């Protein structure tokens, strides 16, 4: 019997929330087959099986938290006995399914009050029933029994008032409100974003880049590039190359604060924010300075696909030294990106928009993109930040510089 433990899933993450179990007790699995979802403040990840075997016992149920290194299940190696077990009890696959439908505390409360799970509307992950759902159901079903609910719950959980908002006026039935519990991932994202504001001296500087040259290159070589490498020539590879070059010249933005030291990284691991199944995730392109345009585009395409299907590995979300995020794909014209600690810099790309600009004394129309660099002022001064962003602008506006490194 071996323990299935929570792996390290990020530098600052010490605990995770258990999502859906993808295998039930008694079920067999193959090596690398996903067993359970782990919810962190960065993403929902699938934890693969370390070997082929059988899931003997689940130690941490859906909705519970577990620390990194803590055992969440017991596994038995080998599949010799797994087949008879899977055949013998035809009902085996059904057994785990009721368990994730209701949290343990909710199950106990329903048993005490004689409530059927079918009567309760679950608001947890995947429609699972939480204790709060049962208590709300009891309040709605028996409003004349205020003594049934002990006094402590109302002050300890202020959620019921918004979940049962006042009824709309009879003459204006459309003025309704709905309270929906935050998902565990959204709660953790909120906590992390607040932490960034409280623990960093974050500032943002802005500039804009004329995308004419990059657009012309993509138009001229895009078809041949895709035919040769099997991936489109996007804007992101140009920005990754430009950022790496600028980081080499302004190393303060490729650093972090560790205790009372500034750690300057002499390698370039660039995080790329991509849309995942439940929000934005930031997988990391390792040693980006050693990759070609094609290799960068292939990695980004692979990350985007696996982010949608929750196939990213925990280690792929760790250890970046700088991040690039592209709000332009959603239509954002300008924004202030938030830092991804312990990194001290993040570059925000935005939508390309044709605007009038002055070139050689003439007003002309150019495809322009606003760029935003957020940085930690504890390490990076305004001079370095502005110089870095201006350097990225120069490289994008004249991409031949990227090849010549000048």
Protein backbone atom coordinates (compact mmCIF):
# COMPACT_ATOMS: atom_id res chain seq x y z
CA UNK A 1 0.00 0.00 0.00
CA UNK A 2 1.37 3.41 -0.97
CA UNK A 3 0.21 6.91 -0.16
CA UNK A 4 -0.87 9.38 -2.82
CA UNK A 5 0.49 12.72 -1.66
CA UNK A 6 -0.11 16.31 -2.74
CA UNK A 7 2.90 17.38 -4.85
CA UNK A 8 4.47 20.81 -4.82
CA UNK A 9 2.38 22.95 -7.18
CA UNK A 10 4.02 26.37 -6.83
CA UNK A 11 6.56 28.35 -4.86
CA UNK A 12 4.05 30.09 -2.60
CA UNK A 13 1.36 27.39 -2.46
CA UNK A 14 1.34 25.37 0.76
CA UNK A 15 -2.11 23.79 0.52
CA UNK A 16 -4.68 22.84 -2.10
CA UNK A 17 -8.37 22.09 -2.14
CA UNK A 18 -9.49 18.65 -3.25
CA UNK A 19 -11.66 18.85 -6.35
CA UNK A 20 -13.50 15.99 -7.99
CA UNK A 21 -12.19 12.46 -7.56
CA UNK A 22 -11.92 10.96 -11.04
CA UNK A 23 -11.65 7.42 -9.66
CA UNK A 24 -13.66 5.83 -6.88
CA UNK A 25 -12.55 3.48 -4.12
CA UNK A 26 -11.96 0.01 -5.54
CA UNK A 27 -11.45 1.23 -9.09
CA UNK A 28 -8.29 0.36 -11.00
CA UNK A 29 -6.22 2.85 -12.97
CA UNK A 30 -3.34 2.96 -15.42
CA UNK A 31 -0.04 4.73 -14.89
CA UNK A 32 -0.35 8.49 -15.50
CA UNK A 33 -4.16 8.26 -15.56
CA UNK A 34 -5.72 11.26 -13.70
CA UNK A 35 -6.98 10.35 -10.24
CA UNK A 36 -8.15 13.61 -8.69
CA UNK A 37 -8.40 17.34 -9.35
CA UNK A 38 -6.35 19.69 -7.15
CA UNK A 39 -7.56 23.29 -6.92
CA UNK A 40 -4.94 25.99 -6.33
CA UNK A 41 -4.99 29.77 -6.65
CA UNK A 42 -3.47 29.41 -10.13
CA UNK A 43 -5.35 26.54 -11.74
CA UNK A 44 -7.28 23.31 -11.35
CA UNK A 45 -4.81 20.49 -11.97
CA UNK A 46 -5.24 16.78 -12.46
CA UNK A 47 -2.98 14.58 -10.32
CA UNK A 48 -1.85 11.55 -12.36
CA UNK A 49 -1.32 8.07 -10.97
CA UNK A 50 2.36 7.31 -10.24
CA UNK A 51 1.86 3.66 -11.28
CA UNK A 52 -0.85 1.24 -12.39
CA UNK A 53 -2.96 -0.08 -9.54
CA UNK A 54 -6.14 0.28 -7.50
CA UNK A 55 -7.51 3.17 -5.43
CA UNK A 56 -7.99 1.50 -2.04
CA UNK A 57 -9.07 4.40 0.17
CA UNK A 58 -9.79 8.12 -0.22
CA UNK A 59 -8.43 10.04 2.77
CA UNK A 60 -9.42 13.55 1.67
CA UNK A 61 -12.86 14.14 0.20
CA UNK A 62 -13.97 16.73 -2.33
CA UNK A 63 -14.02 20.19 -0.79
CA UNK A 64 -11.47 19.41 1.93
CA UNK A 65 -8.02 21.00 2.02
CA UNK A 66 -4.67 19.24 2.15
CA UNK A 67 -1.16 20.54 2.64
CA UNK A 68 1.64 19.89 0.18
CA UNK A 69 3.16 16.51 1.06
CA UNK A 70 0.02 15.30 2.86
CA UNK A 71 -1.48 11.91 1.92
CA UNK A 72 -4.92 12.14 0.30
CA UNK A 73 -5.44 8.49 -0.70
CA UNK A 74 -4.04 4.98 -0.38
CA UNK A 75 -3.06 3.13 -3.55
CA UNK A 76 -2.27 -0.52 -4.18
CA UNK A 77 0.24 -1.21 -6.91
CA UNK A 78 -0.41 -3.81 -9.58
CA UNK A 79 -3.50 -4.57 -11.61
CA UNK A 80 -3.71 -8.32 -11.08
CA UNK A 81 -6.51 -8.08 -8.52
CA UNK A 82 -8.06 -4.95 -9.96
CA UNK A 83 -10.01 -6.74 -12.73
CA UNK A 84 -12.00 -9.15 -10.46
CA UNK A 85 -12.79 -6.31 -8.08
CA UNK A 86 -14.07 -4.14 -10.88
CA UNK A 87 -16.25 -7.02 -12.23
CA UNK A 88 -17.58 -8.46 -8.99
CA UNK A 89 -19.46 -5.48 -7.57
CA UNK A 90 -21.40 -4.12 -10.54
CA UNK A 91 -22.48 -1.28 -8.31
CA UNK A 92 -18.88 -0.28 -7.43
CA UNK A 93 -18.68 2.70 -9.79
CA UNK A 94 -21.93 3.99 -8.29
CA UNK A 95 -20.60 3.94 -4.74
CA UNK A 96 -18.21 6.89 -4.95
CA UNK A 97 -20.65 9.04 -6.90
CA UNK A 98 -23.02 9.77 -3.93
CA UNK A 99 -20.05 10.77 -1.82
CA UNK A 100 -18.97 13.76 -3.88
CA UNK A 101 -22.59 14.85 -4.25
CA UNK A 102 -22.64 15.98 -0.64
CA UNK A 103 -19.94 17.11 1.76
CA UNK A 104 -19.58 15.00 4.96
CA UNK A 105 -20.98 17.79 7.15
CA UNK A 106 -23.93 18.17 4.79
CA UNK A 107 -24.58 14.41 4.85
CA UNK A 108 -24.64 14.35 8.66
CA UNK A 109 -27.02 17.30 8.82
CA UNK A 110 -29.36 15.74 6.22
CA UNK A 111 -29.43 12.48 8.20
CA UNK A 112 -30.18 14.34 11.43
CA UNK A 113 -33.01 16.36 9.86
CA UNK A 114 -34.38 13.61 7.65
CA UNK A 115 -33.68 15.46 4.42
CA UNK A 116 -33.19 13.68 1.09
CA UNK A 117 -30.29 14.89 -1.10
CA UNK A 118 -32.77 15.21 -3.98
CA UNK A 119 -34.55 18.01 -2.09
CA UNK A 120 -31.44 20.20 -1.73
CA UNK A 121 -29.99 22.46 -4.41
CA UNK A 122 -26.19 22.07 -4.27
CA UNK A 123 -24.01 25.13 -4.89
CA UNK A 124 -20.59 23.53 -4.42
CA UNK A 125 -18.11 22.38 -7.05
CA UNK A 126 -19.94 20.32 -9.68
CA UNK A 127 -23.28 20.81 -7.93
CA UNK A 128 -22.15 19.22 -4.67
CA UNK A 129 -24.25 19.84 -1.59
CA UNK A 130 -22.62 21.98 1.12
CA UNK A 131 -23.70 22.26 4.75
CA UNK A 132 -24.86 25.80 4.01
CA UNK A 133 -27.15 24.45 1.26
CA UNK A 134 -28.84 22.08 3.72
CA UNK A 135 -29.25 24.81 6.35
CA UNK A 136 -30.75 27.16 3.76
CA UNK A 137 -33.15 24.40 2.66
CA UNK A 138 -34.22 23.84 6.26
CA UNK A 139 -34.83 27.56 6.75
CA UNK A 140 -36.95 27.75 3.61
CA UNK A 141 -38.87 24.58 4.41
CA UNK A 142 -39.61 25.36 8.06
CA UNK A 143 -39.59 29.13 8.61
CA UNK A 144 -41.78 28.69 11.66
CA UNK A 145 -39.03 26.81 13.54
CA UNK A 146 -36.45 29.51 14.31
CA UNK A 147 -35.35 27.64 17.46
CA UNK A 148 -34.18 24.67 15.35
CA UNK A 149 -31.27 26.70 14.06
CA UNK A 150 -28.97 27.52 16.98
CA UNK A 151 -28.05 31.20 17.42
CA UNK A 152 -24.34 30.79 16.52
CA UNK A 153 -24.78 30.00 12.80
CA UNK A 154 -26.23 33.37 11.67
CA UNK A 155 -23.26 35.48 12.87
CA UNK A 156 -20.69 32.86 11.85
CA UNK A 157 -21.95 32.64 8.29
CA UNK A 158 -23.20 35.91 6.85
CA UNK A 159 -23.96 34.17 3.55
CA UNK A 160 -27.70 33.38 4.11
CA UNK A 161 -28.92 37.00 3.93
CA UNK A 162 -27.58 37.61 0.40
CA UNK A 163 -28.53 34.08 -0.68
CA UNK A 164 -32.16 34.83 0.21
CA UNK A 165 -32.50 38.47 -0.88
CA UNK A 166 -35.69 40.42 -0.22
CA UNK A 167 -38.51 39.67 -2.59
CA UNK A 168 -38.92 42.20 -5.43
CA UNK A 169 -41.82 44.64 -5.28
CA UNK A 170 -45.01 43.21 -6.73
CA UNK A 171 -45.16 45.99 -9.29
CA UNK A 172 -41.50 45.46 -10.36
CA UNK A 173 -40.93 41.69 -10.42
CA UNK A 174 -37.84 42.07 -12.61
CA UNK A 175 -35.78 43.66 -9.78
CA UNK A 176 -34.32 40.41 -8.49
CA UNK A 177 -30.87 39.51 -7.18
CA UNK A 178 -29.09 36.18 -6.98
CA UNK A 179 -26.28 35.18 -4.62
CA UNK A 180 -23.90 32.52 -5.96
CA UNK A 181 -21.07 31.16 -3.77
CA UNK A 182 -17.56 31.86 -5.02
CA UNK A 183 -15.81 28.81 -6.40
CA UNK A 184 -12.72 27.68 -4.46
CA UNK A 185 -10.49 28.77 -7.35
CA UNK A 186 -12.06 32.24 -7.49
CA UNK A 187 -11.73 32.63 -3.69
CA UNK A 188 -8.04 31.79 -3.85
CA UNK A 189 -7.45 34.09 -6.81
CA UNK A 190 -9.10 36.90 -4.85
CA UNK A 191 -6.89 36.22 -1.83
CA UNK A 192 -3.76 36.14 -3.97
CA UNK A 193 -4.56 39.35 -5.83
CA UNK A 194 -5.19 41.12 -2.53
CA UNK A 195 -1.88 39.78 -1.24
CA UNK A 196 -0.10 41.25 -4.28
CA UNK A 197 -1.50 44.68 -3.47
CA UNK A 198 -0.54 44.42 0.19
CA UNK A 199 2.97 42.99 -0.13
CA UNK A 200 4.45 44.69 -3.22
CA UNK A 201 5.12 48.30 -4.18
CA UNK A 202 3.54 47.89 -7.59
CA UNK A 203 3.59 50.61 -10.23
CA UNK A 204 2.75 50.54 -13.94
CA UNK A 205 4.31 52.42 -16.84
CA UNK A 206 2.82 52.60 -20.35
CA UNK A 207 3.98 52.96 -23.93
CA UNK A 208 2.72 52.03 -27.38
CA UNK A 209 4.21 50.09 -30.26
CA UNK A 210 3.68 50.38 -33.99
CA UNK A 211 2.90 46.81 -35.10
CA UNK A 212 3.32 47.49 -38.83
CA UNK A 213 6.62 45.64 -39.22
CA UNK A 214 5.53 42.54 -37.31
CA UNK A 215 2.23 42.41 -39.20
CA UNK A 216 4.12 42.68 -42.51
CA UNK A 217 6.44 39.81 -41.53
CA UNK A 218 3.52 37.61 -40.52
CA UNK A 219 1.75 38.41 -43.77
CA UNK A 220 4.83 37.64 -45.86
CA UNK A 221 6.06 34.50 -44.11
CA UNK A 222 3.04 33.28 -42.12
CA UNK A 223 1.91 30.67 -44.62
CA UNK A 224 5.39 29.23 -45.18
CA UNK A 225 6.03 29.25 -41.42
CA UNK A 226 2.87 27.27 -40.68
CA UNK A 227 3.55 24.82 -43.50
CA UNK A 228 7.06 24.12 -42.22
CA UNK A 229 6.46 24.06 -38.47
CA UNK A 230 2.78 23.14 -38.18
CA UNK A 231 1.91 26.17 -36.06
CA UNK A 232 0.86 29.75 -36.80
CA UNK A 233 3.34 32.60 -36.50
CA UNK A 234 1.74 34.67 -33.76
CA UNK A 235 2.58 37.94 -32.07
CA UNK A 236 3.62 36.28 -28.81
CA UNK A 237 6.89 34.82 -30.10
CA UNK A 238 8.03 38.31 -31.12
CA UNK A 239 7.23 39.65 -27.65
CA UNK A 240 8.93 36.73 -25.90
CA UNK A 241 12.08 37.39 -27.94
CA UNK A 242 11.88 41.14 -27.28
CA UNK A 243 11.32 40.65 -23.54
CA UNK A 244 14.28 38.28 -23.23
CA UNK A 245 16.54 40.76 -25.00
CA UNK A 246 15.31 43.60 -22.77
CA UNK A 247 15.77 41.48 -19.62
CA UNK A 248 19.38 40.86 -20.54
CA UNK A 249 19.90 44.62 -20.62
CA UNK A 250 17.76 45.43 -17.54
CA UNK A 251 18.41 42.48 -15.17
CA UNK A 252 16.48 44.11 -12.29
CA UNK A 253 13.26 42.94 -13.97
CA UNK A 254 14.50 39.35 -14.04
CA UNK A 255 15.02 39.20 -10.29
CA UNK A 256 13.18 38.59 -7.03
CA UNK A 257 13.43 39.50 -3.36
CA UNK A 258 14.41 36.58 -1.15
CA UNK A 259 14.76 37.40 2.54
CA UNK A 260 17.06 40.44 2.57
CA UNK A 261 18.68 39.65 -0.77
CA UNK A 262 17.96 40.49 -4.39
CA UNK A 263 18.34 37.32 -6.47
CA UNK A 264 19.22 38.04 -10.10
CA UNK A 265 18.32 35.18 -12.42
CA UNK A 266 20.77 34.52 -15.22
CA UNK A 267 18.26 32.37 -17.09
CA UNK A 268 14.98 33.39 -18.72
CA UNK A 269 11.87 31.41 -17.84
CA UNK A 270 8.97 33.36 -19.29
CA UNK A 271 5.44 32.78 -18.00
CA UNK A 272 2.70 33.07 -20.62
CA UNK A 273 -0.82 33.75 -19.36
CA UNK A 274 -3.34 31.59 -21.25
CA UNK A 275 -7.04 31.01 -20.78
CA UNK A 276 -7.77 27.77 -18.94
CA UNK A 277 -10.94 25.85 -18.20
CA UNK A 278 -11.62 27.83 -15.01
CA UNK A 279 -9.60 30.99 -15.45
CA UNK A 280 -6.20 32.28 -16.42
CA UNK A 281 -3.17 30.04 -15.90
CA UNK A 282 0.50 30.91 -16.38
CA UNK A 283 2.61 28.02 -17.72
CA UNK A 284 6.32 28.74 -18.09
CA UNK A 285 8.52 28.57 -21.18
CA UNK A 286 11.87 27.38 -19.82
CA UNK A 287 15.10 28.88 -21.17
CA UNK A 288 13.20 31.03 -23.65
CA UNK A 289 16.44 32.68 -24.76
CA UNK A 290 17.56 29.37 -26.28
CA UNK A 291 14.40 28.74 -28.33
CA UNK A 292 13.54 29.68 -31.90
CA UNK A 293 10.38 31.48 -32.95
CA UNK A 294 8.87 28.15 -34.02
CA UNK A 295 9.72 26.42 -30.74
CA UNK A 296 8.16 29.26 -28.76
CA UNK A 297 4.95 29.19 -30.83
CA UNK A 298 4.74 25.40 -30.53
CA UNK A 299 5.06 25.56 -26.75
CA UNK A 300 2.42 28.27 -26.47
CA UNK A 301 -0.02 26.31 -28.65
CA UNK A 302 0.60 23.20 -26.56
CA UNK A 303 0.09 25.09 -23.30
CA UNK A 304 -3.17 26.63 -24.54
CA UNK A 305 -4.58 23.26 -25.59
CA UNK A 306 -3.65 21.49 -22.35
CA UNK A 307 -4.87 24.42 -20.24
CA UNK A 308 -8.34 23.97 -21.75
CA UNK A 309 -8.35 20.26 -20.93
CA UNK A 310 -6.68 20.62 -17.49
CA UNK A 311 -3.67 18.58 -18.62
CA UNK A 312 -0.98 21.01 -17.51
CA UNK A 313 1.50 19.56 -15.03
CA UNK A 314 2.11 21.34 -11.70
CA UNK A 315 5.79 21.84 -12.47
CA UNK A 316 4.88 23.68 -15.68
CA UNK A 317 3.27 26.44 -13.62
CA UNK A 318 6.29 26.97 -11.35
CA UNK A 319 9.46 28.99 -11.45
CA UNK A 320 8.88 31.75 -13.98
CA UNK A 321 11.15 34.80 -13.81
CA UNK A 322 8.93 37.20 -15.81
CA UNK A 323 5.37 37.04 -17.20
CA UNK A 324 3.63 38.22 -20.38
CA UNK A 325 -0.15 38.51 -20.55
CA UNK A 326 -2.21 39.37 -23.62
CA UNK A 327 -5.50 41.04 -22.80
CA UNK A 328 -5.79 42.01 -26.45
CA UNK A 329 -7.25 38.62 -27.37
CA UNK A 330 -10.29 39.60 -25.29
CA UNK A 331 -10.45 43.10 -26.80
CA UNK A 332 -8.75 45.01 -23.99
CA UNK A 333 -7.32 48.31 -25.21
CA UNK A 334 -5.35 49.09 -22.05
CA UNK A 335 -5.03 47.70 -18.53
CA UNK A 336 -2.79 47.43 -15.47
CA UNK A 337 -1.57 43.82 -15.15
CA UNK A 338 -0.95 42.52 -11.64
CA UNK A 339 2.38 41.01 -10.63
CA UNK A 340 2.83 37.28 -10.26
CA UNK A 341 5.01 37.01 -7.09
CA UNK A 342 7.84 36.45 -6.49
CA UNK A 343 8.39 37.95 -9.95
CA UNK A 344 8.89 41.71 -10.06
CA UNK A 345 7.72 42.41 -13.62
CA UNK A 346 4.84 41.60 -15.95
CA UNK A 347 4.22 42.91 -19.47
CA UNK A 348 0.66 43.47 -20.66
CA UNK A 349 -0.11 43.31 -24.39
CA UNK A 350 -3.36 44.76 -25.72
CA UNK A 351 -5.60 44.94 -28.77
CA UNK A 352 -4.14 46.33 -31.98
CA UNK A 353 -6.06 49.39 -33.15
CA UNK A 354 -5.50 51.62 -36.14
CA UNK A 355 -4.82 55.15 -34.90
CA UNK A 356 -3.45 58.39 -36.36
CA UNK A 357 0.21 58.97 -35.47
CA UNK A 358 2.86 61.40 -36.65
CA UNK A 359 5.68 60.02 -38.81
CA UNK A 360 8.23 62.38 -40.38
CA UNK A 361 5.95 65.35 -39.82
CA UNK A 362 2.96 63.64 -41.44
CA UNK A 363 -0.17 62.24 -39.80
CA UNK A 364 -0.56 58.62 -40.90
CA UNK A 365 -2.67 55.65 -39.83
CA UNK A 366 -0.77 52.85 -38.10
CA UNK A 367 -1.77 49.63 -36.28
CA UNK A 368 -0.86 50.52 -32.70
CA UNK A 369 -0.75 48.46 -29.51
CA UNK A 370 -0.62 49.87 -26.00
CA UNK A 371 1.95 48.16 -23.77
CA UNK A 372 1.84 48.15 -19.97
CA UNK A 373 4.69 47.15 -17.66
CA UNK A 374 3.84 46.59 -14.00
CA UNK A 375 6.85 46.33 -11.72
CA UNK A 376 7.81 46.08 -8.06
CA UNK A 377 9.28 49.44 -7.09
CA UNK A 378 11.20 47.81 -4.23
CA UNK A 379 13.69 46.48 -6.79
CA UNK A 380 12.95 48.30 -10.02
CA UNK A 381 13.25 52.07 -10.29
CA UNK A 382 11.25 54.12 -12.76
CA UNK A 383 14.30 54.63 -14.96
CA UNK A 384 14.83 50.89 -15.39
CA UNK A 385 11.12 50.25 -15.99
CA UNK A 386 10.79 52.96 -18.64
CA UNK A 387 14.04 51.89 -20.33
CA UNK A 388 12.89 48.26 -20.41
CA UNK A 389 9.53 49.10 -21.96
CA UNK A 390 11.07 51.45 -24.49
CA UNK A 391 13.51 48.69 -25.48
CA UNK A 392 10.65 46.23 -26.03
CA UNK A 393 8.93 48.86 -28.19
CA UNK A 394 12.08 49.38 -30.30
CA UNK A 395 12.52 45.66 -30.88
CA UNK A 396 8.88 45.14 -31.87
CA UNK A 397 8.87 48.11 -34.23
CA UNK A 398 12.07 46.90 -35.90
CA UNK A 399 12.08 43.09 -35.50
CA UNK A 400 15.31 42.76 -37.48
CA UNK A 401 16.96 43.85 -34.21
CA UNK A 402 15.75 40.59 -32.65
CA UNK A 403 17.80 38.55 -35.11
CA UNK A 404 20.88 40.77 -34.84
CA UNK A 405 20.46 41.36 -31.07
CA UNK A 406 21.14 45.08 -31.44
